N, C-alpha and C. Protein backbone atom coordinates (compact mmCIF):
# COMPACT_ATOMS: atom_id res chain seq x y z
N UNK A 1 -3.35 38.62 -9.91
CA UNK A 1 -3.83 37.82 -8.81
C UNK A 1 -3.48 38.57 -7.52
N UNK A 2 -4.43 38.66 -6.66
CA UNK A 2 -4.17 39.39 -5.41
C UNK A 2 -3.25 38.58 -4.50
N UNK A 3 -2.59 39.25 -3.64
CA UNK A 3 -1.66 38.62 -2.70
C UNK A 3 -2.37 37.61 -1.82
N UNK A 4 -3.59 37.92 -1.40
CA UNK A 4 -4.35 37.02 -0.52
C UNK A 4 -4.65 35.70 -1.24
N UNK A 5 -5.06 35.75 -2.50
CA UNK A 5 -5.34 34.54 -3.27
C UNK A 5 -4.06 33.75 -3.49
N UNK A 6 -2.98 34.45 -3.80
CA UNK A 6 -1.70 33.78 -4.00
C UNK A 6 -1.27 33.03 -2.75
N UNK A 7 -1.37 33.66 -1.59
CA UNK A 7 -1.00 33.02 -0.33
C UNK A 7 -1.90 31.82 -0.05
N UNK A 8 -3.19 31.95 -0.32
CA UNK A 8 -4.12 30.83 -0.10
C UNK A 8 -3.75 29.64 -0.98
N UNK A 9 -3.43 29.90 -2.25
CA UNK A 9 -3.04 28.81 -3.16
C UNK A 9 -1.71 28.19 -2.74
N UNK A 10 -0.80 29.02 -2.27
CA UNK A 10 0.48 28.51 -1.79
C UNK A 10 0.29 27.59 -0.59
N UNK A 11 -0.55 27.98 0.34
CA UNK A 11 -0.82 27.15 1.52
C UNK A 11 -1.52 25.86 1.12
N UNK A 12 -2.48 25.95 0.22
CA UNK A 12 -3.18 24.75 -0.25
C UNK A 12 -2.21 23.78 -0.91
N UNK A 13 -1.30 24.30 -1.72
CA UNK A 13 -0.30 23.45 -2.36
C UNK A 13 0.62 22.79 -1.36
N UNK A 14 1.00 23.53 -0.33
CA UNK A 14 1.87 22.97 0.71
C UNK A 14 1.17 21.86 1.48
N UNK A 15 -0.12 22.00 1.71
CA UNK A 15 -0.88 20.97 2.42
C UNK A 15 -1.09 19.74 1.56
N UNK A 16 -1.25 19.92 0.26
CA UNK A 16 -1.52 18.79 -0.63
C UNK A 16 -0.25 18.03 -0.99
N UNK A 17 0.91 18.67 -0.97
CA UNK A 17 2.15 18.03 -1.40
C UNK A 17 2.46 16.73 -0.65
N UNK A 18 2.33 16.67 0.67
CA UNK A 18 2.62 15.40 1.35
C UNK A 18 1.69 14.27 0.91
N UNK A 19 0.46 14.58 0.60
CA UNK A 19 -0.47 13.55 0.14
C UNK A 19 -0.05 13.01 -1.21
N UNK A 20 0.38 13.88 -2.08
CA UNK A 20 0.80 13.47 -3.42
C UNK A 20 2.10 12.68 -3.34
N UNK A 21 3.05 13.16 -2.57
CA UNK A 21 4.36 12.54 -2.48
C UNK A 21 4.34 11.17 -1.81
N UNK A 22 3.37 10.93 -0.92
CA UNK A 22 3.32 9.65 -0.23
C UNK A 22 2.39 8.65 -0.91
N UNK A 23 1.80 9.01 -2.02
CA UNK A 23 0.95 8.09 -2.74
C UNK A 23 -0.46 8.00 -2.20
N UNK A 24 -0.85 8.88 -1.29
CA UNK A 24 -2.21 8.86 -0.76
C UNK A 24 -3.13 9.49 -1.80
N UNK A 25 -4.20 8.82 -2.11
CA UNK A 25 -5.16 9.37 -3.06
C UNK A 25 -6.46 9.67 -2.34
N UNK A 26 -7.16 10.67 -2.80
CA UNK A 26 -8.39 11.06 -2.14
C UNK A 26 -9.52 10.06 -2.37
N UNK A 27 -9.40 9.21 -3.40
CA UNK A 27 -10.45 8.23 -3.67
C UNK A 27 -10.12 6.86 -3.08
N UNK A 28 -9.09 6.77 -2.26
CA UNK A 28 -8.71 5.51 -1.62
C UNK A 28 -9.66 5.26 -0.47
N UNK A 29 -10.60 4.33 -0.67
CA UNK A 29 -11.62 4.10 0.34
C UNK A 29 -11.72 2.65 0.79
N UNK A 30 -10.81 1.80 0.32
CA UNK A 30 -10.73 0.42 0.77
C UNK A 30 -9.37 0.25 1.44
N UNK A 31 -9.18 -0.85 2.17
CA UNK A 31 -7.96 -1.00 2.94
C UNK A 31 -7.40 -2.40 2.80
N UNK A 32 -6.11 -2.48 2.49
CA UNK A 32 -5.41 -3.76 2.45
C UNK A 32 -4.59 -3.86 3.72
N UNK A 33 -4.71 -4.99 4.40
CA UNK A 33 -3.93 -5.25 5.62
C UNK A 33 -3.42 -6.68 5.55
N UNK A 34 -2.31 -6.94 6.22
CA UNK A 34 -1.83 -8.31 6.23
C UNK A 34 -0.46 -8.43 6.85
N UNK A 35 0.04 -9.66 6.81
CA UNK A 35 1.33 -10.00 7.37
C UNK A 35 2.09 -10.84 6.36
N UNK A 36 3.39 -10.60 6.30
CA UNK A 36 4.27 -11.40 5.44
C UNK A 36 5.25 -12.12 6.36
N UNK A 37 5.29 -13.45 6.23
CA UNK A 37 6.19 -14.28 7.03
C UNK A 37 7.00 -15.17 6.10
N UNK A 38 8.09 -15.73 6.63
CA UNK A 38 8.84 -16.72 5.88
C UNK A 38 8.31 -18.12 6.22
N UNK A 39 8.91 -19.13 5.64
CA UNK A 39 8.41 -20.50 5.85
C UNK A 39 8.62 -21.01 7.27
N UNK A 40 9.40 -20.28 8.08
CA UNK A 40 9.58 -20.62 9.49
C UNK A 40 8.70 -19.77 10.40
N UNK A 41 7.73 -19.07 9.80
CA UNK A 41 6.79 -18.18 10.50
C UNK A 41 7.44 -16.95 11.11
N UNK A 42 8.63 -16.59 10.63
CA UNK A 42 9.28 -15.36 11.06
C UNK A 42 8.77 -14.20 10.22
N UNK A 43 8.55 -13.02 10.81
CA UNK A 43 8.10 -11.88 10.03
C UNK A 43 9.16 -11.45 9.02
N UNK A 44 8.71 -11.01 7.86
CA UNK A 44 9.61 -10.52 6.81
C UNK A 44 9.48 -9.00 6.77
N UNK A 45 10.49 -8.32 7.30
CA UNK A 45 10.51 -6.86 7.30
C UNK A 45 11.00 -6.35 5.94
N UNK A 46 10.41 -5.26 5.47
CA UNK A 46 10.86 -4.63 4.23
C UNK A 46 10.37 -5.27 2.96
N UNK A 47 9.38 -6.15 3.06
CA UNK A 47 8.78 -6.73 1.85
C UNK A 47 7.90 -5.67 1.19
N UNK A 48 7.87 -5.68 -0.12
CA UNK A 48 7.04 -4.74 -0.88
C UNK A 48 5.74 -5.43 -1.28
N UNK A 49 4.63 -4.79 -1.03
CA UNK A 49 3.32 -5.27 -1.43
C UNK A 49 2.86 -4.40 -2.58
N UNK A 50 2.53 -5.02 -3.73
CA UNK A 50 2.08 -4.26 -4.89
C UNK A 50 0.70 -4.74 -5.33
N UNK A 51 0.00 -3.84 -6.01
CA UNK A 51 -1.38 -4.08 -6.42
C UNK A 51 -1.47 -3.90 -7.92
N UNK A 52 -1.89 -4.95 -8.64
CA UNK A 52 -1.91 -4.91 -10.11
C UNK A 52 -2.70 -3.71 -10.63
N UNK A 53 -2.14 -3.07 -11.66
CA UNK A 53 -2.81 -1.95 -12.28
C UNK A 53 -2.78 -0.68 -11.47
N UNK A 54 -2.00 -0.65 -10.41
CA UNK A 54 -1.94 0.51 -9.53
C UNK A 54 -0.50 0.85 -9.20
N UNK A 55 -0.17 2.13 -9.10
CA UNK A 55 1.19 2.50 -8.69
C UNK A 55 1.39 2.39 -7.17
N UNK A 56 0.33 2.11 -6.44
CA UNK A 56 0.41 2.06 -4.98
C UNK A 56 1.17 0.83 -4.50
N UNK A 57 1.99 1.03 -3.48
CA UNK A 57 2.69 -0.08 -2.84
C UNK A 57 2.67 0.15 -1.33
N UNK A 58 2.95 -0.92 -0.61
CA UNK A 58 3.11 -0.85 0.84
C UNK A 58 4.40 -1.59 1.19
N UNK A 59 4.95 -1.29 2.34
CA UNK A 59 6.16 -1.97 2.82
C UNK A 59 5.90 -2.50 4.22
N UNK A 60 6.32 -3.73 4.46
CA UNK A 60 6.09 -4.33 5.77
C UNK A 60 7.02 -3.74 6.83
N UNK A 61 6.50 -3.69 8.06
CA UNK A 61 7.28 -3.20 9.19
C UNK A 61 8.07 -4.36 9.82
N UNK A 62 8.67 -4.12 10.97
CA UNK A 62 9.51 -5.15 11.61
C UNK A 62 8.71 -6.37 12.05
N UNK A 63 7.40 -6.23 12.19
CA UNK A 63 6.55 -7.36 12.54
C UNK A 63 6.00 -8.06 11.29
N UNK A 64 6.43 -7.59 10.11
CA UNK A 64 5.96 -8.18 8.86
C UNK A 64 4.59 -7.71 8.45
N UNK A 65 4.08 -6.68 9.11
CA UNK A 65 2.72 -6.21 8.84
C UNK A 65 2.72 -5.03 7.87
N UNK A 66 1.61 -4.91 7.13
CA UNK A 66 1.44 -3.77 6.23
C UNK A 66 0.00 -3.29 6.27
N UNK A 67 -0.18 -2.06 5.83
CA UNK A 67 -1.49 -1.44 5.72
C UNK A 67 -1.42 -0.49 4.53
N UNK A 68 -2.47 -0.50 3.70
CA UNK A 68 -2.51 0.43 2.57
C UNK A 68 -3.95 0.79 2.24
N UNK A 69 -4.22 2.08 2.14
CA UNK A 69 -5.52 2.55 1.64
C UNK A 69 -5.43 2.56 0.12
N UNK A 70 -6.49 2.10 -0.54
CA UNK A 70 -6.50 2.06 -2.00
C UNK A 70 -7.94 2.14 -2.51
N UNK A 71 -8.12 2.49 -3.77
CA UNK A 71 -9.47 2.53 -4.32
C UNK A 71 -10.10 1.13 -4.32
N UNK A 72 -11.38 1.07 -4.04
CA UNK A 72 -12.09 -0.22 -4.08
C UNK A 72 -11.95 -0.82 -5.48
N UNK A 73 -11.88 -2.14 -5.54
CA UNK A 73 -11.75 -2.82 -6.82
C UNK A 73 -11.15 -4.19 -6.62
N UNK A 74 -10.84 -4.85 -7.73
CA UNK A 74 -10.25 -6.18 -7.70
C UNK A 74 -8.80 -6.09 -8.16
N UNK A 75 -7.90 -6.64 -7.38
CA UNK A 75 -6.47 -6.56 -7.65
C UNK A 75 -5.82 -7.93 -7.47
N UNK A 76 -4.74 -8.15 -8.20
CA UNK A 76 -3.79 -9.21 -7.87
C UNK A 76 -2.78 -8.55 -6.95
N UNK A 77 -2.52 -9.16 -5.80
CA UNK A 77 -1.65 -8.56 -4.80
C UNK A 77 -0.39 -9.42 -4.69
N UNK A 78 0.77 -8.76 -4.78
CA UNK A 78 2.04 -9.48 -4.77
C UNK A 78 2.93 -8.99 -3.64
N UNK A 79 3.52 -9.94 -2.93
CA UNK A 79 4.53 -9.64 -1.91
C UNK A 79 5.87 -10.09 -2.46
N UNK A 80 6.88 -9.20 -2.34
CA UNK A 80 8.20 -9.56 -2.84
C UNK A 80 9.29 -8.93 -1.98
N UNK A 81 10.43 -9.61 -1.95
CA UNK A 81 11.62 -9.08 -1.28
C UNK A 81 12.81 -9.84 -1.83
N UNK A 82 13.90 -9.12 -1.99
CA UNK A 82 15.13 -9.75 -2.46
C UNK A 82 15.50 -10.91 -1.54
N UNK A 83 15.88 -12.03 -2.14
CA UNK A 83 16.23 -13.21 -1.37
C UNK A 83 15.08 -14.18 -1.19
N UNK A 84 13.89 -13.78 -1.66
CA UNK A 84 12.69 -14.62 -1.56
C UNK A 84 12.00 -14.70 -2.91
N UNK A 85 11.26 -15.78 -3.11
CA UNK A 85 10.42 -15.90 -4.30
C UNK A 85 9.16 -15.07 -4.07
N UNK A 86 8.75 -14.26 -5.06
CA UNK A 86 7.52 -13.48 -4.88
C UNK A 86 6.30 -14.39 -4.76
N UNK A 87 5.29 -13.89 -4.09
CA UNK A 87 4.04 -14.63 -3.93
C UNK A 87 2.89 -13.71 -4.32
N UNK A 88 1.93 -14.23 -5.09
CA UNK A 88 0.81 -13.43 -5.57
C UNK A 88 -0.51 -14.06 -5.17
N UNK A 89 -1.42 -13.25 -4.67
CA UNK A 89 -2.80 -13.64 -4.41
C UNK A 89 -3.64 -13.00 -5.53
N UNK A 90 -4.34 -13.81 -6.29
CA UNK A 90 -5.05 -13.33 -7.48
C UNK A 90 -6.52 -13.00 -7.20
N UNK A 91 -7.00 -11.94 -7.86
CA UNK A 91 -8.42 -11.62 -7.84
C UNK A 91 -8.97 -11.24 -6.48
N UNK A 92 -8.20 -10.50 -5.70
CA UNK A 92 -8.65 -10.09 -4.37
C UNK A 92 -9.56 -8.87 -4.50
N UNK A 93 -10.75 -8.98 -3.92
CA UNK A 93 -11.75 -7.91 -4.01
C UNK A 93 -11.64 -7.02 -2.78
N UNK A 94 -11.44 -5.72 -3.01
CA UNK A 94 -11.38 -4.73 -1.94
C UNK A 94 -12.65 -3.90 -2.00
N UNK A 95 -13.40 -3.91 -0.90
CA UNK A 95 -14.71 -3.27 -0.82
C UNK A 95 -14.57 -1.94 -0.08
N UNK A 96 -15.26 -0.94 -0.56
CA UNK A 96 -15.23 0.38 0.04
C UNK A 96 -15.58 0.32 1.53
N UNK A 97 -14.74 0.97 2.34
CA UNK A 97 -15.00 1.07 3.77
C UNK A 97 -14.64 -0.15 4.58
N UNK A 98 -14.09 -1.19 3.93
CA UNK A 98 -13.78 -2.42 4.66
C UNK A 98 -12.32 -2.80 4.50
N UNK A 99 -11.68 -3.28 5.57
CA UNK A 99 -10.33 -3.82 5.43
C UNK A 99 -10.41 -5.23 4.83
N UNK A 100 -9.48 -5.53 3.96
CA UNK A 100 -9.36 -6.88 3.40
C UNK A 100 -7.98 -7.41 3.76
N UNK A 101 -7.95 -8.56 4.43
CA UNK A 101 -6.68 -9.12 4.87
C UNK A 101 -6.12 -10.06 3.81
N UNK A 102 -4.86 -9.82 3.46
CA UNK A 102 -4.14 -10.67 2.52
C UNK A 102 -2.78 -10.96 3.15
N UNK A 103 -2.59 -12.21 3.61
CA UNK A 103 -1.34 -12.63 4.24
C UNK A 103 -0.51 -13.43 3.24
N UNK A 104 0.80 -13.40 3.43
CA UNK A 104 1.71 -14.10 2.53
C UNK A 104 2.75 -14.88 3.31
N UNK A 105 3.19 -16.00 2.74
CA UNK A 105 4.35 -16.73 3.22
C UNK A 105 5.35 -16.76 2.07
N UNK A 106 6.54 -16.21 2.31
CA UNK A 106 7.56 -16.16 1.27
C UNK A 106 8.59 -17.27 1.49
N UNK A 107 8.99 -17.89 0.40
CA UNK A 107 9.99 -18.94 0.42
C UNK A 107 11.34 -18.35 -0.03
N UNK A 108 12.38 -18.61 0.75
CA UNK A 108 13.70 -18.11 0.39
C UNK A 108 14.23 -18.75 -0.87
N UNK A 109 15.08 -18.01 -1.58
CA UNK A 109 15.70 -18.54 -2.81
C UNK A 109 16.77 -19.55 -2.49
């Protein structure tokens, strides 16, 4: 293999590594957005949002908001955090090119 090809492959690998390590997929063309609050309407920071049948997850920020790009399809979406009962929204359809909002209210244990 020539040095030029080797360097090109090395650079390509370095550029692709952050996408692989952060869970970004090239076929993610739908978008999940939403807010997680507690029963007093306070934002829940650090809640994990998971999508059935997918390794993808999102984590809420200090305002309780999350955003995740994912492949279009139908998912059960779950919000969970230690100290709260998990909450699941079933059969949520994510359409290519469109954001789908899924909000949650978590009840403390």
